[in-house]
């Protein structure tokens, strides 16, 4: 534990993020990140919600994640599908971690961005330059990167206001009964396994809508639109629907049919207002070859034609 505080009467009934911000000088956003990563504790128990109220006598403590002092440029191949003076759009490959952290300092998206791009925003510090939002290591697909602080502020505000459109494609185990639906739960750190997330009564609101794009014999391809940005949100909600993502060992079946390196979950579409032009733009990233290969196999087994995403673009784009 780096720091520990006993709560006095002055802070009785106050939110933990407000109190820790006052006691440490950290921003509430920074405290929120620590909470999300299971690094804030009350009386030795990990906190799952930044708004948790404190009582006089509570002992509050927190851990700092291991810091990386410098981030080096590295020639990591990146699929940069759009690039201007304010933003870059990246089609991130599966297996690539977004930013440096303990155990992986130089093989991340950030290392590659620093090599390939001429500038990145500095709001998130030296470890996460340009990073406005993240994808899991084994989730592929489209991301937007901010190249200056003005763009970063604009994009972050749009994410906070839930006006950014994020649509993912996932291959699920089995077939969801409904053709479309909405999932509203609360997601927090899994109390039984701090490396995963779970639906918890004291978690943060998580809203996902979905639409079945194609049904197969033992699987379905589903478009998910996330209206909130909780960690592992789609993977947790797919499990909640009793149809986990194919290849997801953390939330799905331990025994997998296909020899995959991670879950078949792909960030397909991203829409937002450009920070400088003020115009709404949408970008898409094609499904990776390994994803298409699995679709080809299950299509043949189901007596269906090879999947052609161009036939479903309107359905995917119009998901509410």
Protein backbone atom coordinates (compact mmCIF):
# COMPACT_ATOMS: atom_id res chain seq x y z
CA UNK A 1 0.00 0.00 0.00
CA UNK A 2 1.43 3.38 -0.94
CA UNK A 3 -0.92 5.50 1.17
CA UNK A 4 -3.42 4.91 3.98
CA UNK A 5 -5.87 7.28 5.62
CA UNK A 6 -8.32 7.04 8.50
CA UNK A 7 -11.51 8.94 7.73
CA UNK A 8 -12.36 11.71 10.17
CA UNK A 9 -15.76 13.24 10.92
CA UNK A 10 -14.98 15.94 8.34
CA UNK A 11 -15.36 13.42 5.51
CA UNK A 12 -18.22 11.33 6.92
CA UNK A 13 -20.76 10.59 4.19
CA UNK A 14 -18.55 11.90 1.37
CA UNK A 15 -17.73 10.01 -1.86
CA UNK A 16 -14.46 8.10 -1.84
CA UNK A 17 -13.22 9.71 -5.09
CA UNK A 18 -13.88 13.19 -3.66
CA UNK A 19 -12.11 12.40 -0.39
CA UNK A 20 -9.07 10.73 -1.96
CA UNK A 21 -8.77 13.58 -4.43
CA UNK A 22 -8.72 16.06 -1.53
CA UNK A 23 -6.24 14.00 0.49
CA UNK A 24 -3.83 13.10 -2.30
CA UNK A 25 -4.09 15.91 -4.85
CA UNK A 26 -4.98 13.41 -7.57
CA UNK A 27 -7.86 14.15 -9.93
CA UNK A 28 -11.16 12.35 -9.43
CA UNK A 29 -10.66 10.80 -12.86
CA UNK A 30 -7.32 9.36 -11.73
CA UNK A 31 -8.93 7.97 -8.58
CA UNK A 32 -11.64 6.48 -10.79
CA UNK A 33 -9.01 4.64 -12.85
CA UNK A 34 -7.50 3.22 -9.64
CA UNK A 35 -10.96 2.06 -8.53
CA UNK A 36 -11.64 0.46 -11.91
CA UNK A 37 -8.39 -1.49 -11.60
CA UNK A 38 -9.14 -2.75 -8.09
CA UNK A 39 -6.45 -0.62 -6.43
CA UNK A 40 -8.54 1.31 -3.88
CA UNK A 41 -9.58 -0.30 -0.58
CA UNK A 42 -11.81 0.47 2.41
CA UNK A 43 -10.95 -1.53 5.52
CA UNK A 44 -8.96 -3.88 3.31
CA UNK A 45 -11.80 -4.60 0.87
CA UNK A 46 -11.47 -3.47 -2.74
CA UNK A 47 -13.81 -0.66 -3.75
CA UNK A 48 -15.92 -1.24 -6.88
CA UNK A 49 -17.57 2.16 -7.22
CA UNK A 50 -16.05 5.66 -7.18
CA UNK A 51 -19.21 7.03 -5.55
CA UNK A 52 -19.01 4.78 -2.49
CA UNK A 53 -19.76 6.82 0.65
CA UNK A 54 -17.31 6.79 3.53
CA UNK A 55 -17.93 6.67 7.27
CA UNK A 56 -15.92 8.07 10.15
CA UNK A 57 -13.28 5.55 11.15
CA UNK A 58 -13.03 3.87 7.75
CA UNK A 59 -9.44 3.09 6.76
CA UNK A 60 -8.91 3.99 3.12
CA UNK A 61 -5.84 2.85 1.21
CA UNK A 62 -4.73 2.62 -2.40
CA UNK A 63 -1.97 1.16 -4.53
CA UNK A 64 -0.20 2.85 -7.38
CA UNK A 65 0.28 0.78 -10.54
CA UNK A 66 3.90 0.22 -11.47
CA UNK A 67 5.09 3.29 -13.34
CA UNK A 68 6.98 3.35 -16.60
CA UNK A 69 9.35 6.29 -16.70
CA UNK A 70 9.88 6.46 -20.43
CA UNK A 71 8.17 5.05 -23.49
CA UNK A 72 10.31 4.28 -26.50
CA UNK A 73 9.32 4.51 -30.14
CA UNK A 74 9.16 1.15 -31.84
CA UNK A 75 8.49 0.15 -35.43
CA UNK A 76 5.43 -1.97 -34.72
CA UNK A 77 3.32 -2.54 -37.86
CA UNK A 78 0.07 -0.59 -37.59
CA UNK A 79 -2.94 -0.38 -39.88
CA UNK A 80 -3.53 3.38 -39.96
CA UNK A 81 -6.67 3.82 -42.05
CA UNK A 82 -7.01 7.60 -41.65
CA UNK A 83 -4.64 10.34 -40.54
CA UNK A 84 -4.87 14.14 -40.42
CA UNK A 85 -3.45 16.91 -38.23
CA UNK A 86 -5.88 16.20 -35.36
CA UNK A 87 -6.76 12.51 -35.29
CA UNK A 88 -5.66 9.12 -36.55
CA UNK A 89 -7.88 6.09 -37.02
CA UNK A 90 -6.22 2.75 -36.23
CA UNK A 91 -7.38 -0.78 -37.03
CA UNK A 92 -5.74 -2.46 -34.03
CA UNK A 93 -4.65 -6.07 -34.45
CA UNK A 94 -5.55 -8.80 -31.98
CA UNK A 95 -2.82 -9.43 -29.41
CA UNK A 96 -1.59 -5.84 -29.21
CA UNK A 97 -1.88 -4.11 -25.82
CA UNK A 98 -2.89 -0.46 -26.09
CA UNK A 99 -0.48 1.20 -23.66
CA UNK A 100 2.58 0.26 -21.56
CA UNK A 101 2.06 -1.28 -18.13
CA UNK A 102 3.87 -3.59 -15.75
CA UNK A 103 5.45 -6.43 -17.71
CA UNK A 104 5.03 -4.85 -21.15
CA UNK A 105 6.85 -1.59 -21.69
CA UNK A 106 7.79 -1.61 -25.35
CA UNK A 107 5.42 -3.78 -27.41
CA UNK A 108 2.22 -1.75 -27.30
CA UNK A 109 0.11 0.38 -29.60
CA UNK A 110 1.54 3.50 -27.96
CA UNK A 111 5.10 2.48 -28.86
CA UNK A 112 4.00 2.04 -32.46
CA UNK A 113 2.05 5.30 -32.54
CA UNK A 114 5.10 7.22 -31.34
CA UNK A 115 7.10 5.75 -34.22
CA UNK A 116 4.53 6.23 -37.00
CA UNK A 117 2.81 9.52 -36.11
CA UNK A 118 4.32 13.00 -35.97
CA UNK A 119 2.43 14.09 -32.84
CA UNK A 120 0.18 12.80 -30.04
CA UNK A 121 -1.85 14.53 -27.34
CA UNK A 122 -0.23 14.75 -23.92
CA UNK A 123 -3.26 14.92 -21.62
CA UNK A 124 -2.92 11.30 -20.47
CA UNK A 125 0.78 11.75 -19.72
CA UNK A 126 3.87 10.06 -21.09
CA UNK A 127 2.50 6.53 -20.74
CA UNK A 128 -0.74 6.99 -22.70
CA UNK A 129 -0.11 9.74 -25.27
CA UNK A 130 -2.98 10.10 -27.72
CA UNK A 131 -5.10 7.42 -26.05
CA UNK A 132 -8.73 8.53 -25.73
CA UNK A 133 -10.28 5.09 -25.34
CA UNK A 134 -9.02 1.51 -25.27
CA UNK A 135 -9.64 -1.95 -26.65
CA UNK A 136 -8.76 -5.15 -24.82
CA UNK A 137 -5.49 -6.75 -25.91
CA UNK A 138 -7.28 -9.57 -27.72
CA UNK A 139 -10.07 -7.44 -29.18
CA UNK A 140 -9.32 -6.18 -32.68
CA UNK A 141 -10.63 -3.22 -34.59
CA UNK A 142 -11.10 0.47 -34.91
CA UNK A 143 -9.83 3.14 -32.49
CA UNK A 144 -9.45 6.90 -32.68
CA UNK A 145 -6.23 8.54 -31.49
CA UNK A 146 -5.89 12.22 -30.58
CA UNK A 147 -2.87 14.01 -32.07
CA UNK A 148 -3.19 17.17 -29.97
CA UNK A 149 -4.78 18.21 -26.68
CA UNK A 150 -7.62 20.16 -28.29
CA UNK A 151 -8.73 17.07 -30.20
CA UNK A 152 -8.32 14.95 -27.07
CA UNK A 153 -10.60 17.22 -25.01
CA UNK A 154 -13.26 17.18 -27.74
CA UNK A 155 -13.23 13.40 -28.16
CA UNK A 156 -13.20 12.77 -24.40
CA UNK A 157 -16.19 15.06 -23.95
CA UNK A 158 -18.11 13.19 -26.66
CA UNK A 159 -17.34 9.88 -24.96
CA UNK A 160 -18.43 11.30 -21.60
CA UNK A 161 -21.68 12.52 -23.18
CA UNK A 162 -22.21 9.09 -24.80
CA UNK A 163 -22.47 10.62 -28.25
CA UNK A 164 -19.68 8.52 -29.79
CA UNK A 165 -21.08 5.60 -31.77
CA UNK A 166 -19.25 2.31 -31.10
CA UNK A 167 -20.44 -0.86 -32.83
CA UNK A 168 -18.72 -4.22 -32.46
CA UNK A 169 -19.18 -7.58 -34.19
CA UNK A 170 -18.93 -10.76 -32.14
CA UNK A 171 -19.42 -14.43 -32.86
CA UNK A 172 -21.33 -15.99 -29.98
CA UNK A 173 -21.77 -19.52 -28.76
CA UNK A 174 -25.25 -20.81 -29.61
CA UNK A 175 -28.13 -18.64 -30.83
CA UNK A 176 -29.76 -15.78 -28.96
CA UNK A 177 -33.53 -16.27 -29.00
CA UNK A 178 -34.37 -12.62 -29.76
CA UNK A 179 -33.28 -10.93 -32.99
CA UNK A 180 -32.46 -7.73 -31.10
CA UNK A 181 -32.48 -6.43 -27.57
CA UNK A 182 -31.05 -4.21 -24.87
CA UNK A 183 -29.03 -5.10 -21.80
CA UNK A 184 -28.87 -2.75 -18.81
CA UNK A 185 -26.85 -3.89 -15.79
CA UNK A 186 -24.18 -2.70 -13.39
CA UNK A 187 -20.64 -3.88 -14.01
CA UNK A 188 -17.84 -3.83 -11.46
CA UNK A 189 -14.67 -5.66 -10.54
CA UNK A 190 -15.33 -9.37 -9.92
CA UNK A 191 -14.97 -9.86 -6.14
CA UNK A 192 -13.87 -13.48 -6.71
CA UNK A 193 -11.32 -12.67 -9.42
CA UNK A 194 -9.91 -9.13 -9.54
CA UNK A 195 -8.61 -9.67 -13.10
CA UNK A 196 -12.14 -9.93 -14.49
CA UNK A 197 -15.36 -7.95 -14.34
CA UNK A 198 -18.82 -9.08 -13.29
CA UNK A 199 -22.39 -7.89 -12.94
CA UNK A 200 -22.52 -6.53 -9.40
CA UNK A 201 -25.15 -4.56 -7.46
CA UNK A 202 -22.70 -1.76 -6.66
CA UNK A 203 -21.05 -1.56 -10.09
CA UNK A 204 -21.34 1.19 -12.70
CA UNK A 205 -24.23 1.36 -15.15
CA UNK A 206 -23.58 -0.54 -18.37
CA UNK A 207 -25.90 -0.28 -21.39
CA UNK A 208 -25.58 -2.40 -24.53
CA UNK A 209 -27.95 -2.89 -27.46
CA UNK A 210 -27.58 -5.76 -29.89
CA UNK A 211 -28.86 -7.10 -33.20
CA UNK A 212 -28.37 -10.59 -34.67
CA UNK A 213 -26.73 -10.25 -38.09
CA UNK A 214 -26.48 -13.90 -39.13
CA UNK A 215 -27.53 -17.18 -37.55
CA UNK A 216 -25.64 -20.44 -37.96
CA UNK A 217 -26.20 -23.97 -36.71
CA UNK A 218 -24.39 -23.53 -33.39
CA UNK A 219 -23.47 -19.84 -33.40
CA UNK A 220 -24.70 -16.36 -34.22
CA UNK A 221 -22.92 -13.27 -35.46
CA UNK A 222 -24.14 -10.28 -33.47
CA UNK A 223 -23.64 -6.52 -33.70
CA UNK A 224 -23.28 -4.85 -30.31
CA UNK A 225 -23.52 -1.13 -29.72
CA UNK A 226 -22.14 0.05 -26.39
CA UNK A 227 -23.70 3.17 -24.88
CA UNK A 228 -21.31 3.10 -21.91
CA UNK A 229 -17.65 2.20 -21.84
CA UNK A 230 -17.20 -0.29 -19.03
CA UNK A 231 -14.23 -2.63 -18.96
CA UNK A 232 -15.02 -5.90 -20.82
CA UNK A 233 -18.62 -4.69 -21.25
CA UNK A 234 -19.61 -6.74 -24.31
CA UNK A 235 -17.88 -9.86 -23.03
CA UNK A 236 -19.67 -9.60 -19.67
CA UNK A 237 -23.03 -8.89 -21.31
CA UNK A 238 -22.63 -11.77 -23.77
CA UNK A 239 -22.04 -14.08 -20.80
CA UNK A 240 -25.09 -12.55 -19.08
CA UNK A 241 -27.16 -13.44 -22.16
CA UNK A 242 -25.87 -17.03 -21.76
CA UNK A 243 -24.14 -16.84 -25.15
CA UNK A 244 -20.48 -15.93 -24.50
CA UNK A 245 -18.09 -14.78 -27.22
CA UNK A 246 -16.32 -17.56 -29.09
CA UNK A 247 -12.66 -17.76 -28.05
CA UNK A 248 -13.21 -15.92 -24.75
CA UNK A 249 -11.51 -18.04 -22.09
CA UNK A 250 -12.14 -15.51 -19.32
CA UNK A 251 -15.92 -15.23 -19.76
CA UNK A 252 -16.78 -18.10 -22.07
CA UNK A 253 -16.23 -21.80 -22.46
CA UNK A 254 -12.96 -23.26 -21.19
CA UNK A 255 -13.02 -25.82 -23.98
CA UNK A 256 -12.97 -24.08 -27.34
CA UNK A 257 -13.62 -25.66 -30.73
CA UNK A 258 -11.38 -23.37 -32.76
CA UNK A 259 -7.68 -22.78 -32.21
CA UNK A 260 -7.87 -19.05 -31.56
CA UNK A 261 -5.54 -16.54 -29.92
CA UNK A 262 -8.39 -14.63 -28.28
CA UNK A 263 -12.07 -13.78 -28.48
CA UNK A 264 -13.84 -13.20 -31.80
CA UNK A 265 -14.79 -9.64 -30.93
CA UNK A 266 -14.05 -6.83 -33.37
CA UNK A 267 -14.57 -3.07 -33.10
CA UNK A 268 -16.20 -2.57 -36.50
CA UNK A 269 -17.62 0.96 -36.58
CA UNK A 270 -16.76 4.22 -34.84
CA UNK A 271 -18.67 7.48 -35.34
CA UNK A 272 -18.01 10.90 -33.81
CA UNK A 273 -17.86 14.62 -34.55
CA UNK A 274 -14.47 15.62 -35.91
CA UNK A 275 -12.76 17.92 -33.34
CA UNK A 276 -11.83 20.56 -35.92
CA UNK A 277 -14.36 20.40 -38.78
CA UNK A 278 -17.38 19.80 -36.55
CA UNK A 279 -18.68 17.24 -39.05
CA UNK A 280 -19.95 13.83 -38.02
CA UNK A 281 -17.79 11.03 -39.44
CA UNK A 282 -17.99 7.24 -39.37
CA UNK A 283 -15.13 4.82 -39.92
CA UNK A 284 -15.18 1.03 -40.27
CA UNK A 285 -12.55 -1.69 -40.08
CA UNK A 286 -12.94 -5.02 -41.93
CA UNK A 287 -13.14 -8.29 -40.04
CA UNK A 288 -9.72 -9.94 -39.60
CA UNK A 289 -8.87 -12.99 -41.71
CA UNK A 290 -8.96 -15.42 -38.75
CA UNK A 291 -12.49 -14.20 -37.90
CA UNK A 292 -13.61 -14.67 -41.52
CA UNK A 293 -12.05 -18.14 -41.61
CA UNK A 294 -14.21 -19.27 -38.70
CA UNK A 295 -17.29 -17.76 -40.34
CA UNK A 296 -16.48 -19.68 -43.53
CA UNK A 297 -16.28 -22.97 -41.60
CA UNK A 298 -19.57 -22.55 -39.75
CA UNK A 299 -21.29 -21.21 -42.88
CA UNK A 300 -20.44 -24.40 -44.79
CA UNK A 301 -21.65 -26.53 -41.88
CA UNK A 302 -24.89 -24.56 -41.76
CA UNK A 303 -25.50 -24.70 -45.51
CA UNK A 304 -25.09 -20.94 -45.89
CA UNK A 305 -23.17 -18.79 -48.34
CA UNK A 306 -19.84 -17.24 -47.40
CA UNK A 307 -20.49 -14.22 -45.19
CA UNK A 308 -20.39 -10.92 -47.09
CA UNK A 309 -20.45 -8.00 -44.71
CA UNK A 310 -21.43 -5.56 -47.47
CA UNK A 311 -24.92 -7.09 -47.38
CA UNK A 312 -25.37 -6.09 -43.75
CA UNK A 313 -23.79 -2.64 -43.49
CA UNK A 314 -27.14 -0.85 -43.14
CA UNK A 315 -28.28 -3.21 -40.36
CA UNK A 316 -25.01 -2.75 -38.49
CA UNK A 317 -24.88 1.02 -38.89
CA UNK A 318 -28.51 1.54 -37.87
CA UNK A 319 -28.38 -0.32 -34.58
CA UNK A 320 -29.87 1.97 -31.92
